[in-house]
Amino acid sequence: QRQVNEMVRGLASNLPKGPDLSKAKAWIKGNTSGTIAESYNIKANTSGSTGICYLDFGIPFKSAGYVSIGGTKDNSSGIDFSISTWAQTTSQISMARTEDSVDADGEFYMVFFGELENE
């Protein structure tokens, strides 16, 4: 039994330290008009100026250094999609067409990875 316990302790000590980036900590399917179709750990989607919205996390991240990935759904091509502001509690999403006209109702999908305050 001791040998098995030592083996388990040895395996556990080799686990990577830091946040578990293999699990999404927040995600949303929404649009820049403030709609949330589906989400996890997103408590609000507030519309800003045309083509911009602000996502508020239910449980904030420990730092603004979280990782995110996203995409858009649109019938036309040429959507420029970005996160302009990163903060522990809020993230600003911006969408614009390549011809520089903003898309007020642009649908987007975002996934966030990092370490939450309660971890």
Protein backbone atom coordinates (compact mmCIF):
# COMPACT_ATOMS: atom_id res chain seq x y z
CA GLN A 1 0.00 0.00 0.00
CA ARG A 2 2.86 2.41 0.82
CA GLN A 3 4.37 1.83 -2.57
CA VAL A 4 1.08 2.67 -4.30
CA ASN A 5 0.67 5.80 -2.15
CA GLU A 6 4.18 6.99 -3.05
CA MET A 7 3.48 6.39 -6.73
CA VAL A 8 0.27 8.44 -6.55
CA ARG A 9 2.08 11.27 -4.69
CA GLY A 10 4.81 11.24 -7.32
CA LEU A 11 2.31 11.46 -10.18
CA ALA A 12 0.42 14.28 -8.45
CA SER A 13 3.59 16.33 -7.95
CA ASN A 14 4.19 16.34 -11.73
CA LEU A 15 0.86 18.03 -12.48
CA PRO A 16 1.21 21.44 -14.16
CA LYS A 17 0.87 24.45 -11.88
CA GLY A 18 -1.30 27.48 -12.59
CA PRO A 19 -4.76 27.83 -14.10
CA ASP A 20 -6.38 24.90 -15.83
CA LEU A 21 -6.67 26.14 -19.41
CA SER A 22 -8.28 22.89 -20.53
CA LYS A 23 -11.68 24.06 -19.24
CA ALA A 24 -13.66 27.10 -20.37
CA LYS A 25 -14.42 29.47 -17.48
CA ALA A 26 -16.98 31.53 -19.41
CA TRP A 27 -18.67 31.45 -22.82
CA ILE A 28 -21.42 33.27 -24.66
CA LYS A 29 -23.52 33.18 -27.78
CA GLY A 30 -24.88 36.71 -28.14
CA ASN A 31 -24.82 39.88 -30.20
CA THR A 32 -23.56 43.43 -29.89
CA SER A 33 -27.09 44.72 -29.25
CA GLY A 34 -26.91 43.18 -25.78
CA THR A 35 -28.65 39.86 -26.36
CA ILE A 36 -27.51 36.69 -24.61
CA ALA A 37 -28.85 33.63 -26.44
CA GLU A 38 -26.85 31.19 -24.28
CA SER A 39 -24.00 31.66 -21.82
CA TYR A 40 -21.96 30.34 -18.92
CA ASN A 41 -20.51 32.69 -16.25
CA ILE A 42 -21.67 35.77 -18.18
CA LYS A 43 -24.10 37.79 -16.05
CA ALA A 44 -24.69 40.68 -18.46
CA ASN A 45 -24.17 41.76 -22.06
CA THR A 46 -24.53 45.54 -22.23
CA SER A 47 -24.78 47.29 -25.57
CA GLY A 48 -22.41 50.23 -26.01
CA SER A 49 -22.16 52.35 -29.10
CA THR A 50 -23.00 50.73 -32.45
CA GLY A 51 -21.12 47.48 -32.90
CA ILE A 52 -19.73 47.41 -29.34
CA CYS A 53 -20.88 45.55 -26.25
CA TYR A 54 -19.54 44.84 -22.77
CA LEU A 55 -19.62 41.40 -21.18
CA ASP A 56 -19.72 41.17 -17.38
CA PHE A 57 -18.50 37.94 -15.83
CA GLY A 58 -20.52 36.30 -13.05
CA ILE A 59 -17.34 35.24 -11.25
CA PRO A 60 -14.45 37.59 -12.17
CA PHE A 61 -11.06 36.40 -13.35
CA LYS A 62 -8.07 36.75 -10.98
CA SER A 63 -6.30 38.96 -13.48
CA ALA A 64 -6.92 40.56 -16.86
CA GLY A 65 -4.56 38.01 -18.40
CA TYR A 66 -7.22 35.50 -19.37
CA VAL A 67 -7.30 33.91 -22.81
CA SER A 68 -10.24 34.22 -25.17
CA ILE A 69 -11.23 33.03 -28.60
CA GLY A 70 -14.25 34.02 -30.62
CA GLY A 71 -15.95 34.15 -33.93
CA THR A 72 -18.94 35.65 -35.70
CA LYS A 73 -21.93 34.46 -37.65
CA ASP A 74 -22.95 36.71 -40.50
CA ASN A 75 -24.45 36.35 -43.95
CA SER A 76 -21.80 38.56 -45.49
CA SER A 77 -18.05 38.30 -45.51
CA GLY A 78 -15.51 40.69 -44.07
CA ILE A 79 -16.31 40.97 -40.36
CA ASP A 80 -13.55 42.37 -38.13
CA PHE A 81 -14.06 41.04 -34.61
CA SER A 82 -11.95 41.98 -31.60
CA ILE A 83 -11.73 42.33 -27.85
CA SER A 84 -10.74 45.92 -27.15
CA THR A 85 -10.64 45.96 -23.35
CA TRP A 86 -9.59 43.20 -21.00
CA ALA A 87 -10.42 43.49 -17.32
CA GLN A 88 -11.05 41.04 -14.52
CA THR A 89 -14.79 41.69 -14.47
CA THR A 90 -15.59 42.99 -18.00
CA SER A 91 -14.56 42.42 -21.59
CA GLN A 92 -15.37 44.81 -24.48
CA ILE A 93 -16.33 43.22 -27.78
CA SER A 94 -16.14 45.22 -31.04
CA MET A 95 -17.42 44.23 -34.46
CA ALA A 96 -17.04 46.07 -37.78
CA ARG A 97 -17.20 45.17 -41.45
CA THR A 98 -13.98 45.43 -43.43
CA GLU A 99 -15.37 48.45 -45.25
CA ASP A 100 -15.30 50.18 -41.82
CA SER A 101 -19.06 50.27 -41.26
CA VAL A 102 -20.12 48.89 -37.89
CA ASP A 103 -22.49 45.97 -37.50
CA ALA A 104 -25.02 46.83 -34.78
CA ASP A 105 -26.56 43.37 -34.41
CA GLY A 106 -23.54 41.22 -35.12
CA GLU A 107 -23.88 37.74 -33.63
CA PHE A 108 -20.75 36.43 -31.95
CA TYR A 109 -19.47 33.45 -29.99
CA MET A 110 -16.80 33.85 -27.29
CA VAL A 111 -15.02 31.40 -25.02
CA PHE A 112 -12.80 32.52 -22.11
CA PHE A 113 -10.05 30.52 -20.36
CA GLY A 114 -8.09 31.49 -17.25
CA GLU A 115 -8.22 31.44 -13.47
CA LEU A 116 -11.32 32.67 -11.66
CA GLU A 117 -11.22 34.51 -8.33
CA ASN A 118 -12.79 31.59 -6.49
CA GLU A 119 -10.13 29.08 -7.61
